PDB file of N, CA and C in Angstrom:
ATOM      1  N   MET A   1     -14.364 -11.361  14.443  1.00  0.00           N
ATOM      2  CA  MET A   1     -14.750 -11.296  13.042  1.00  0.00           C
ATOM      3  C   MET A   1     -15.436  -9.959  12.726  1.00  0.00           C
ATOM      4  N   MET A   2     -16.332  -9.525  13.608  1.00  0.00           N
ATOM      5  CA  MET A   2     -17.022  -8.254  13.382  1.00  0.00           C
ATOM      6  C   MET A   2     -16.036  -7.094  13.425  1.00  0.00           C
ATOM      7  N   ARG A   3     -15.065  -7.194  14.313  1.00  0.00           N
ATOM      8  CA  ARG A   3     -14.063  -6.129  14.425  1.00  0.00           C
ATOM      9  C   ARG A   3     -13.260  -6.029  13.135  1.00  0.00           C
ATOM     10  N   ARG A   4     -12.876  -7.171  12.586  1.00  0.00           N
ATOM     11  CA  ARG A   4     -12.105  -7.192  11.343  1.00  0.00           C
ATOM     12  C   ARG A   4     -12.942  -6.646  10.190  1.00  0.00           C
ATOM     13  N   LEU A   5     -14.208  -7.017  10.150  1.00  0.00           N
ATOM     14  CA  LEU A   5     -15.093  -6.536   9.089  1.00  0.00           C
ATOM     15  C   LEU A   5     -15.283  -5.023   9.192  1.00  0.00           C
ATOM     16  N   ALA A   6     -15.501  -4.527  10.416  1.00  0.00           N
ATOM     17  CA  ALA A   6     -15.663  -3.087  10.612  1.00  0.00           C
ATOM     18  C   ALA A   6     -14.391  -2.350  10.233  1.00  0.00           C
ATOM     19  N   LEU A   7     -13.279  -2.933  10.573  1.00  0.00           N
ATOM     20  CA  LEU A   7     -11.995  -2.329  10.257  1.00  0.00           C
ATOM     21  C   LEU A   7     -11.761  -2.284   8.750  1.00  0.00           C
ATOM     22  N   ALA A   8     -12.057  -3.369   8.082  1.00  0.00           N
ATOM     23  CA  ALA A   8     -11.898  -3.400   6.630  1.00  0.00           C
ATOM     24  C   ALA A   8     -12.812  -2.367   5.968  1.00  0.00           C
ATOM     25  N   ALA A   9     -14.016  -2.230   6.494  1.00  0.00           N
ATOM     26  CA  ALA A   9     -14.940  -1.230   5.954  1.00  0.00           C
ATOM     27  C   ALA A   9     -14.396   0.179   6.160  1.00  0.00           C
ATOM     28  N   ALA A  10     -13.834   0.437   7.331  1.00  0.00           N
ATOM     29  CA  ALA A  10     -13.273   1.761   7.615  1.00  0.00           C
ATOM     30  C   ALA A  10     -12.099   2.069   6.701  1.00  0.00           C
ATOM     31  N   VAL A  11     -11.223   1.095   6.519  1.00  0.00           N
ATOM     32  CA  VAL A  11     -10.082   1.288   5.618  1.00  0.00           C
ATOM     33  C   VAL A  11     -10.583   1.528   4.197  1.00  0.00           C
ATOM     34  N   GLY A  12     -11.594   0.787   3.789  1.00  0.00           N
ATOM     35  CA  GLY A  12     -12.163   0.980   2.461  1.00  0.00           C
ATOM     36  C   GLY A  12     -12.756   2.361   2.279  1.00  0.00           C
ATOM     37  N   MET A  13     -13.454   2.858   3.301  1.00  0.00           N
ATOM     38  CA  MET A  13     -14.031   4.198   3.204  1.00  0.00           C
ATOM     39  C   MET A  13     -12.944   5.259   3.098  1.00  0.00           C
ATOM     40  N   VAL A  14     -11.888   5.089   3.857  1.00  0.00           N
ATOM     41  CA  VAL A  14     -10.770   6.036   3.776  1.00  0.00           C
ATOM     42  C   VAL A  14     -10.168   5.995   2.380  1.00  0.00           C
ATOM     43  N   ALA A  15      -9.982   4.803   1.864  1.00  0.00           N
ATOM     44  CA  ALA A  15      -9.377   4.656   0.543  1.00  0.00           C
ATOM     45  C   ALA A  15     -10.255   5.281  -0.543  1.00  0.00           C
ATOM     46  N   PHE A  16     -11.556   5.020  -0.494  1.00  0.00           N
ATOM     47  CA  PHE A  16     -12.436   5.561  -1.522  1.00  0.00           C
ATOM     48  C   PHE A  16     -12.667   7.054  -1.338  1.00  0.00           C
ATOM     49  N   GLY A  17     -12.625   7.535  -0.113  1.00  0.00           N
ATOM     50  CA  GLY A  17     -12.790   8.959   0.150  1.00  0.00           C
ATOM     51  C   GLY A  17     -11.641   9.785  -0.396  1.00  0.00           C
ATOM     52  N   ALA A  18     -10.483   9.182  -0.474  1.00  0.00           N
ATOM     53  CA  ALA A  18      -9.293   9.885  -0.963  1.00  0.00           C
ATOM     54  C   ALA A  18      -8.912   9.410  -2.361  1.00  0.00           C
ATOM     55  N   MET A  19      -9.853   8.895  -3.107  1.00  0.00           N
ATOM     56  CA  MET A  19      -9.568   8.282  -4.404  1.00  0.00           C
ATOM     57  C   MET A  19      -8.806   9.181  -5.375  1.00  0.00           C
ATOM     58  N   PRO A  20      -9.149  10.463  -5.552  1.00  0.00           N
ATOM     59  CA  PRO A  20      -8.382  11.271  -6.507  1.00  0.00           C
ATOM     60  C   PRO A  20      -6.901  11.362  -6.142  1.00  0.00           C
ATOM     61  N   ALA A  21      -6.596  11.534  -4.879  1.00  0.00           N
ATOM     62  CA  ALA A  21      -5.193  11.608  -4.460  1.00  0.00           C
ATOM     63  C   ALA A  21      -4.517  10.255  -4.612  1.00  0.00           C
ATOM     64  N   LEU A  22      -5.242   9.194  -4.337  1.00  0.00           N
ATOM     65  CA  LEU A  22      -4.655   7.862  -4.423  1.00  0.00           C
ATOM     66  C   LEU A  22      -4.408   7.430  -5.861  1.00  0.00           C
ATOM     67  N   ALA A  23      -5.130   8.002  -6.790  1.00  0.00           N
ATOM     68  CA  ALA A  23      -4.927   7.640  -8.184  1.00  0.00           C
ATOM     69  C   ALA A  23      -3.497   7.919  -8.611  1.00  0.00           C
ATOM     70  N   GLN A  24      -2.877   8.911  -8.007  1.00  0.00           N
ATOM     71  CA  GLN A  24      -1.499   9.242  -8.330  1.00  0.00           C
ATOM     72  C   GLN A  24      -0.524   8.563  -7.385  1.00  0.00           C
ATOM     73  N   GLN A  25      -0.829   8.529  -6.099  1.00  0.00           N
ATOM     74  CA  GLN A  25       0.117   8.067  -5.100  1.00  0.00           C
ATOM     75  C   GLN A  25       0.006   6.583  -4.775  1.00  0.00           C
ATOM     76  N   LYS A  26      -1.176   6.022  -4.799  1.00  0.00           N
ATOM     77  CA  LYS A  26      -1.416   4.635  -4.410  1.00  0.00           C
ATOM     78  C   LYS A  26      -0.974   4.364  -2.979  1.00  0.00           C
ATOM     79  N   VAL A  27      -1.220   5.340  -2.082  1.00  0.00           N
ATOM     80  CA  VAL A  27      -0.890   5.210  -0.663  1.00  0.00           C
ATOM     81  C   VAL A  27      -2.056   5.752   0.150  1.00  0.00           C
ATOM     82  N   VAL A  28      -2.429   5.047   1.208  1.00  0.00           N
ATOM     83  CA  VAL A  28      -3.427   5.544   2.144  1.00  0.00           C
ATOM     84  C   VAL A  28      -2.759   5.619   3.522  1.00  0.00           C
ATOM     85  N   ASN A  29      -2.977   6.738   4.204  1.00  0.00           N
ATOM     86  CA  ASN A  29      -2.415   6.938   5.540  1.00  0.00           C
ATOM     87  C   ASN A  29      -3.464   6.594   6.585  1.00  0.00           C
ATOM     88  N   VAL A  30      -3.084   5.759   7.544  1.00  0.00           N
ATOM     89  CA  VAL A  30      -3.978   5.371   8.630  1.00  0.00           C
ATOM     90  C   VAL A  30      -3.279   5.680   9.948  1.00  0.00           C
ATOM     91  N   TYR A  31      -3.950   6.425  10.811  1.00  0.00           N
ATOM     92  CA  TYR A  31      -3.436   6.744  12.144  1.00  0.00           C
ATOM     93  C   TYR A  31      -4.434   6.168  13.130  1.00  0.00           C
ATOM     94  N   ASN A  32      -3.998   5.236  13.972  1.00  0.00           N
ATOM     95  CA  ASN A  32      -4.934   4.444  14.749  1.00  0.00           C
ATOM     96  C   ASN A  32      -4.333   4.054  16.093  1.00  0.00           C
ATOM     97  N   TRP A  33      -5.189   3.532  16.981  1.00  0.00           N
ATOM     98  CA  TRP A  33      -4.712   3.002  18.254  1.00  0.00           C
ATOM     99  C   TRP A  33      -3.732   1.860  17.995  1.00  0.00           C
ATOM    100  N   SER A  34      -2.723   1.750  18.847  1.00  0.00           N
ATOM    101  CA  SER A  34      -1.767   0.652  18.699  1.00  0.00           C
ATOM    102  C   SER A  34      -2.485  -0.683  18.926  1.00  0.00           C
ATOM    103  N   ASP A  35      -2.053  -1.697  18.208  1.00  0.00           N
ATOM    104  CA  ASP A  35      -2.608  -3.060  18.284  1.00  0.00           C
ATOM    105  C   ASP A  35      -4.093  -3.131  17.949  1.00  0.00           C
ATOM    106  N   TYR A  36      -4.593  -2.199  17.152  1.00  0.00           N
ATOM    107  CA  TYR A  36      -6.011  -2.190  16.806  1.00  0.00           C
ATOM    108  C   TYR A  36      -6.288  -2.938  15.506  1.00  0.00           C
ATOM    109  N   ILE A  37      -5.361  -2.870  14.568  1.00  0.00           N
ATOM    110  CA  ILE A  37      -5.526  -3.542  13.281  1.00  0.00           C
ATOM    111  C   ILE A  37      -4.454  -4.616  13.159  1.00  0.00           C
ATOM    112  N   ASP A  38      -4.872  -5.806  12.848  1.00  0.00           N
ATOM    113  CA  ASP A  38      -3.924  -6.887  12.629  1.00  0.00           C
ATOM    114  C   ASP A  38      -3.142  -6.623  11.342  1.00  0.00           C
ATOM    115  N   GLU A  39      -1.856  -6.901  11.362  1.00  0.00           N
ATOM    116  CA  GLU A  39      -1.002  -6.663  10.192  1.00  0.00           C
ATOM    117  C   GLU A  39      -1.524  -7.379   8.947  1.00  0.00           C
ATOM    118  N   SER A  40      -2.138  -8.545   9.132  1.00  0.00           N
ATOM    119  CA  SER A  40      -2.631  -9.299   7.977  1.00  0.00           C
ATOM    120  C   SER A  40      -3.737  -8.545   7.244  1.00  0.00           C
ATOM    121  N   VAL A  41      -4.521  -7.740   7.954  1.00  0.00           N
ATOM    122  CA  VAL A  41      -5.580  -6.945   7.318  1.00  0.00           C
ATOM    123  C   VAL A  41      -4.958  -5.924   6.376  1.00  0.00           C
ATOM    124  N   LEU A  42      -3.892  -5.274   6.844  1.00  0.00           N
ATOM    125  CA  LEU A  42      -3.212  -4.278   6.012  1.00  0.00           C
ATOM    126  C   LEU A  42      -2.575  -4.935   4.792  1.00  0.00           C
ATOM    127  N   GLU A  43      -1.949  -6.091   5.007  1.00  0.00           N
ATOM    128  CA  GLU A  43      -1.330  -6.809   3.891  1.00  0.00           C
ATOM    129  C   GLU A  43      -2.381  -7.258   2.883  1.00  0.00           C
ATOM    130  N   ASP A  44      -3.509  -7.781   3.378  1.00  0.00           N
ATOM    131  CA  ASP A  44      -4.592  -8.213   2.486  1.00  0.00           C
ATOM    132  C   ASP A  44      -5.149  -7.035   1.692  1.00  0.00           C
ATOM    133  N   PHE A  45      -5.307  -5.895   2.352  1.00  0.00           N
ATOM    134  CA  PHE A  45      -5.802  -4.698   1.677  1.00  0.00           C
ATOM    135  C   PHE A  45      -4.870  -4.310   0.530  1.00  0.00           C
ATOM    136  N   THR A  46      -3.566  -4.305   0.791  1.00  0.00           N
ATOM    137  CA  THR A  46      -2.592  -3.944  -0.240  1.00  0.00           C
ATOM    138  C   THR A  46      -2.619  -4.949  -1.389  1.00  0.00           C
ATOM    139  N   LYS A  47      -2.716  -6.233  -1.073  1.00  0.00           N
ATOM    140  CA  LYS A  47      -2.766  -7.264  -2.115  1.00  0.00           C
ATOM    141  C   LYS A  47      -4.004  -7.107  -2.995  1.00  0.00           C
ATOM    142  N   GLU A  48      -5.146  -6.817  -2.370  1.00  0.00           N
ATOM    143  CA  GLU A  48      -6.403  -6.732  -3.114  1.00  0.00           C
ATOM    144  C   GLU A  48      -6.552  -5.441  -3.909  1.00  0.00           C
ATOM    145  N   THR A  49      -5.960  -4.350  -3.434  1.00  0.00           N
ATOM    146  CA  THR A  49      -6.179  -3.051  -4.075  1.00  0.00           C
ATOM    147  C   THR A  49      -4.954  -2.486  -4.781  1.00  0.00           C
ATOM    148  N   GLY A  50      -3.765  -2.958  -4.396  1.00  0.00           N
ATOM    149  CA  GLY A  50      -2.539  -2.376  -4.934  1.00  0.00           C
ATOM    150  C   GLY A  50      -2.175  -1.066  -4.262  1.00  0.00           C
ATOM    151  N   ILE A  51      -2.904  -0.707  -3.217  1.00  0.00           N
ATOM    152  CA  ILE A  51      -2.668   0.539  -2.491  1.00  0.00           C
ATOM    153  C   ILE A  51      -1.860   0.235  -1.235  1.00  0.00           C
ATOM    154  N   LYS A  52      -0.747   0.927  -1.081  1.00  0.00           N
ATOM    155  CA  LYS A  52       0.100   0.747   0.098  1.00  0.00           C
ATOM    156  C   LYS A  52      -0.533   1.459   1.288  1.00  0.00           C
ATOM    157  N   VAL A  53      -0.470   0.828   2.453  1.00  0.00           N
ATOM    158  CA  VAL A  53      -0.982   1.433   3.677  1.00  0.00           C
ATOM    159  C   VAL A  53       0.203   1.948   4.488  1.00  0.00           C
ATOM    160  N   ARG A  54       0.206   3.246   4.734  1.00  0.00           N
ATOM    161  CA  ARG A  54       1.199   3.851   5.626  1.00  0.00           C
ATOM    162  C   ARG A  54       0.517   3.931   6.989  1.00  0.00           C
ATOM    163  N   TYR A  55       0.908   3.037   7.901  1.00  0.00           N
ATOM    164  CA  TYR A  55       0.212   2.850   9.170  1.00  0.00           C
ATOM    165  C   TYR A  55       1.031   3.406  10.323  1.00  0.00           C
ATOM    166  N   ASP A  56       0.439   4.320  11.075  1.00  0.00           N
ATOM    167  CA  ASP A  56       1.085   4.917  12.239  1.00  0.00           C
ATOM    168  C   ASP A  56       0.128   4.778  13.420  1.00  0.00           C
ATOM    169  N   VAL A  57       0.669   4.636  14.622  1.00  0.00           N
ATOM    170  CA  VAL A  57      -0.172   4.375  15.786  1.00  0.00           C
ATOM    171  C   VAL A  57       0.065   5.391  16.900  1.00  0.00           C
ATOM    172  N   PHE A  58      -0.910   5.458  17.798  1.00  0.00           N
ATOM    173  CA  PHE A  58      -0.785   6.241  19.021  1.00  0.00           C
ATOM    174  C   PHE A  58      -1.282   5.377  20.164  1.00  0.00           C
ATOM    175  N   ASP A  59      -0.832   5.678  21.386  1.00  0.00           N
ATOM    176  CA  ASP A  59      -1.230   4.864  22.533  1.00  0.00           C
ATOM    177  C   ASP A  59      -1.979   5.643  23.610  1.00  0.00           C
ATOM    178  N   SER A  60      -2.222   6.926  23.355  1.00  0.00           N
ATOM    179  CA  SER A  60      -3.010   7.720  24.302  1.00  0.00           C
ATOM    180  C   SER A  60      -3.645   8.892  23.556  1.00  0.00           C
ATOM    181  N   ASN A  61      -4.667   9.457  24.153  1.00  0.00           N
ATOM    182  CA  ASN A  61      -5.321  10.614  23.543  1.00  0.00           C
ATOM    183  C   ASN A  61      -4.375  11.805  23.455  1.00  0.00           C
ATOM    184  N   GLU A  62      -3.477  11.912  24.412  1.00  0.00           N
ATOM    185  CA  GLU A  62      -2.522  13.017  24.411  1.00  0.00           C
ATOM    186  C   GLU A  62      -1.579  12.928  23.213  1.00  0.00           C
ATOM    187  N   VAL A  63      -1.096  11.715  22.938  1.00  0.00           N
ATOM    188  CA  VAL A  63      -0.209  11.514  21.781  1.00  0.00           C
ATOM    189  C   VAL A  63      -0.968  11.812  20.493  1.00  0.00           C
ATOM    190  N   LEU A  64      -2.203  11.350  20.412  1.00  0.00           N
ATOM    191  CA  LEU A  64      -3.046  11.615  19.244  1.00  0.00           C
ATOM    192  C   LEU A  64      -3.212  13.117  19.035  1.00  0.00           C
ATOM    193  N   GLU A  65      -3.589  13.818  20.076  1.00  0.00           N
ATOM    194  CA  GLU A  65      -3.814  15.260  19.964  1.00  0.00           C
ATOM    195  C   GLU A  65      -2.539  16.001  19.551  1.00  0.00           C
ATOM    196  N   THR A  66      -1.418  15.638  20.152  1.00  0.00           N
ATOM    197  CA  THR A  66      -0.145  16.281  19.818  1.00  0.00           C
ATOM    198  C   THR A  66       0.197  16.086  18.348  1.00  0.00           C
ATOM    199  N   LYS A  67       0.035  14.860  17.871  1.00  0.00           N
ATOM    200  CA  LYS A  67       0.366  14.564  16.473  1.00  0.00           C
ATOM    201  C   LYS A  67      -0.584  15.297  15.521  1.00  0.00           C
ATOM    202  N   LEU A  68      -1.859  15.307  15.834  1.00  0.00           N
ATOM    203  CA  LEU A  68      -2.824  15.982  14.964  1.00  0.00           C
ATOM    204  C   LEU A  68      -2.591  17.492  14.928  1.00  0.00           C
ATOM    205  N   LEU A  69      -2.275  18.074  16.063  1.00  0.00           N
ATOM    206  CA  LEU A  69      -2.025  19.513  16.100  1.00  0.00           C
ATOM    207  C   LEU A  69      -0.730  19.890  15.390  1.00  0.00           C
ATOM    208  N   ALA A  70       0.219  18.967  15.371  1.00  0.00           N
ATOM    209  CA  ALA A  70       1.498  19.230  14.701  1.00  0.00           C
ATOM    210  C   ALA A  70       1.367  19.133  13.184  1.00  0.00           C
ATOM    211  N   GLY A  71       0.335  18.443  12.732  1.00  0.00           N
ATOM    212  CA  GLY A  71       0.125  18.317  11.294  1.00  0.00           C
ATOM    213  C   GLY A  71       0.711  17.086  10.809  1.00  0.00           C
TER     214      GLY A  71
END
């Protein structure tokens, strides 16, 4: 339960931090560890906010670093 609450808070902070861009796009990008966020959390977020979550995952620090450096 605490993990889900922390996760929802993190997604909310990302969404509110990017509010001007989201006002036009209605999409938030999340890049996270694989199997870290339950799909139902993302679906609930979209239902409650109308903002689509574009969710991508990584399974190692090396993959994360490569993707971040590539842009």
